[in-house]
């Protein structure tokens, strides 16, 4: 069974989570790039509004062929209680038919469950079946702490078993 981890990361924290997960569960990973500039405080405010309104954005790659994968993780940061626009756009452009899906949300302090619920609402009509989800608080954590927390989640949730 092959596993893919799809994610978007503005601050690199979700990227750290995804890459650590990929190592721990022996998965491929692919970062989705938002072609709109999301750097800086002003652009982050606009990005949060885009997330809240679920505005689409231009992404790279435009879609991902999941044919070779049985299990797909989808990860997003939490912006205004919603998934990042790049992830909303990706979900709308991918075929999840017959795929088991594990969703994860990163967050500074709260809101991750709403992000997971929204991703689930969008993935299930596209044929995906959410089998698990988890949230990771990234606020005020050093890189080493975050990596250890991810490894602990992998162990506690027994995530490697889903990729067998």
Protein backbone atom coordinates (compact mmCIF):
# COMPACT_ATOMS: atom_id res chain seq x y z
CA UNK A 1 0.00 0.00 0.00
CA UNK A 2 1.44 3.35 -1.01
CA UNK A 3 0.90 6.49 1.03
CA UNK A 4 0.98 10.15 -0.06
CA UNK A 5 1.07 13.22 2.17
CA UNK A 6 -0.28 16.40 0.56
CA UNK A 7 0.16 19.69 2.40
CA UNK A 8 0.48 23.44 2.19
CA UNK A 9 2.75 25.47 4.46
CA UNK A 10 3.24 29.23 4.73
CA UNK A 11 5.42 29.38 7.85
CA UNK A 12 7.15 26.01 7.25
CA UNK A 13 5.60 24.45 10.38
CA UNK A 14 3.09 22.37 8.44
CA UNK A 15 5.96 21.37 6.13
CA UNK A 16 7.96 20.17 9.14
CA UNK A 17 4.95 18.16 10.32
CA UNK A 18 4.42 16.62 6.86
CA UNK A 19 8.07 15.74 6.31
CA UNK A 20 8.40 14.21 9.77
CA UNK A 21 5.20 12.22 9.19
CA UNK A 22 6.53 11.01 5.84
CA UNK A 23 9.66 9.66 7.53
CA UNK A 24 7.71 8.04 10.35
CA UNK A 25 5.05 6.33 8.19
CA UNK A 26 7.21 5.70 5.09
CA UNK A 27 5.19 7.93 2.75
CA UNK A 28 5.76 10.09 -0.28
CA UNK A 29 4.98 13.77 0.23
CA UNK A 30 4.15 16.69 -2.00
CA UNK A 31 3.97 20.33 -1.03
CA UNK A 32 1.25 22.39 -2.66
CA UNK A 33 2.42 25.88 -3.55
CA UNK A 34 0.08 28.87 -3.46
CA UNK A 35 1.01 31.09 -6.40
CA UNK A 36 -0.38 34.15 -4.59
CA UNK A 37 2.07 35.93 -2.32
CA UNK A 38 1.08 35.02 1.25
CA UNK A 39 4.24 36.38 2.95
CA UNK A 40 4.16 39.29 5.37
CA UNK A 41 1.52 40.65 7.73
CA UNK A 42 -0.69 42.39 5.16
CA UNK A 43 -0.72 39.39 2.84
CA UNK A 44 -1.52 37.14 5.81
CA UNK A 45 -4.59 39.25 6.62
CA UNK A 46 -5.72 38.90 2.99
CA UNK A 47 -4.96 35.17 3.13
CA UNK A 48 -7.08 34.79 6.26
CA UNK A 49 -9.97 36.56 4.51
CA UNK A 50 -9.52 34.28 1.49
CA UNK A 51 -9.58 31.25 3.79
CA UNK A 52 -12.66 32.46 5.66
CA UNK A 53 -14.50 33.04 2.37
CA UNK A 54 -13.07 29.82 0.88
CA UNK A 55 -11.76 31.73 -2.11
CA UNK A 56 -9.87 29.61 -4.61
CA UNK A 57 -6.27 30.37 -5.48
CA UNK A 58 -3.80 29.35 -8.16
CA UNK A 59 -1.70 26.40 -7.00
CA UNK A 60 1.18 24.32 -8.22
CA UNK A 61 0.73 21.56 -9.07
CA UNK A 62 -2.81 22.26 -10.24
CA UNK A 63 -3.91 18.74 -9.36
CA UNK A 64 -2.34 15.52 -8.10
CA UNK A 65 -2.86 12.10 -9.62
CA UNK A 66 -3.58 9.79 -6.68
CA UNK A 67 -4.06 6.62 -8.74
CA UNK A 68 -1.00 4.87 -7.29
CA UNK A 69 -1.90 5.66 -3.67
CA UNK A 70 -4.28 3.84 -1.33
CA UNK A 71 -3.84 6.15 1.65
CA UNK A 72 -3.67 9.94 1.41
CA UNK A 73 -2.89 12.38 4.20
CA UNK A 74 -4.03 15.97 3.66
CA UNK A 75 -2.64 18.67 5.93
CA UNK A 76 -3.43 22.34 6.27
CA UNK A 77 -2.61 25.19 8.60
CA UNK A 78 -5.55 26.81 10.36
CA UNK A 79 -6.43 30.24 9.00
CA UNK A 80 -9.50 31.99 10.41
CA UNK A 81 -10.85 28.60 11.47
CA UNK A 82 -10.63 27.28 7.89
CA UNK A 83 -8.16 25.33 5.73
CA UNK A 84 -5.70 27.38 3.69
CA UNK A 85 -7.02 28.39 0.23
CA UNK A 86 -4.36 26.22 -1.47
CA UNK A 87 -5.74 23.10 0.24
CA UNK A 88 -9.37 23.97 -0.53
CA UNK A 89 -8.37 24.45 -4.17
CA UNK A 90 -6.41 21.18 -4.24
CA UNK A 91 -9.26 19.16 -2.71
CA UNK A 92 -11.67 20.54 -5.30
CA UNK A 93 -9.33 19.46 -8.11
CA UNK A 94 -8.42 15.94 -6.93
CA UNK A 95 -10.17 12.60 -7.32
CA UNK A 96 -10.28 10.86 -3.94
CA UNK A 97 -12.49 8.00 -5.20
CA UNK A 98 -11.74 4.87 -3.18
CA UNK A 99 -9.00 6.50 -1.11
CA UNK A 100 -8.62 6.23 2.64
CA UNK A 101 -7.79 9.69 3.96
CA UNK A 102 -6.13 10.90 7.15
CA UNK A 103 -6.57 14.62 7.77
CA UNK A 104 -4.39 16.83 9.91
CA UNK A 105 -4.45 20.47 10.87
CA UNK A 106 -1.72 22.60 12.34
CA UNK A 107 -2.64 25.59 14.46
CA UNK A 108 -1.08 28.22 16.62
CA UNK A 109 -3.49 27.58 19.46
CA UNK A 110 -6.98 26.48 18.35
CA UNK A 111 -9.39 25.92 15.46
CA UNK A 112 -7.92 22.72 14.06
CA UNK A 113 -11.07 20.64 14.49
CA UNK A 114 -13.06 23.06 12.29
CA UNK A 115 -10.37 22.76 9.62
CA UNK A 116 -10.56 18.96 9.73
CA UNK A 117 -14.36 19.02 9.57
CA UNK A 118 -14.33 21.31 6.54
CA UNK A 119 -11.74 19.21 4.68
CA UNK A 120 -13.82 16.11 5.43
CA UNK A 121 -16.98 17.80 4.09
CA UNK A 122 -15.16 18.51 0.83
CA UNK A 123 -13.30 15.18 0.44
CA UNK A 124 -16.12 12.73 1.14
CA UNK A 125 -18.29 13.85 -1.84
CA UNK A 126 -15.17 13.29 -3.99
CA UNK A 127 -15.07 9.63 -2.97
CA UNK A 128 -12.57 9.79 -0.11
CA UNK A 129 -13.18 8.09 3.23
CA UNK A 130 -11.74 9.81 6.29
CA UNK A 131 -10.40 7.10 8.56
CA UNK A 132 -8.52 9.26 11.04
CA UNK A 133 -7.62 12.84 11.88
CA UNK A 134 -5.41 14.73 14.28
CA UNK A 135 -4.43 18.27 15.21
CA UNK A 136 -1.01 19.62 16.06
CA UNK A 137 -0.41 22.81 18.02
CA UNK A 138 2.63 24.54 16.61
CA UNK A 139 2.48 27.86 18.47
CA UNK A 140 5.51 28.68 20.64
CA UNK A 141 7.20 25.36 19.87
CA UNK A 142 10.81 24.96 18.93
CA UNK A 143 11.60 22.70 15.98
CA UNK A 144 12.86 19.87 18.20
CA UNK A 145 9.72 20.00 20.38
CA UNK A 146 7.47 19.94 17.34
CA UNK A 147 9.29 16.95 15.83
CA UNK A 148 8.99 15.06 19.13
CA UNK A 149 5.28 15.90 19.38
CA UNK A 150 4.72 14.59 15.84
CA UNK A 151 6.56 11.36 16.62
CA UNK A 152 4.44 10.97 19.76
CA UNK A 153 1.22 11.43 17.75
CA UNK A 154 2.39 8.83 15.22
CA UNK A 155 3.01 6.41 18.07
CA UNK A 156 -0.17 7.19 20.05
CA UNK A 157 -2.42 7.06 16.98
CA UNK A 158 -0.58 3.99 15.60
CA UNK A 159 -0.44 5.74 12.20
CA UNK A 160 1.98 3.31 10.50
CA UNK A 161 -0.64 0.55 10.69
CA UNK A 162 -2.89 2.41 8.22
CA UNK A 163 -0.26 2.21 5.49
CA UNK A 164 0.16 -1.55 5.60
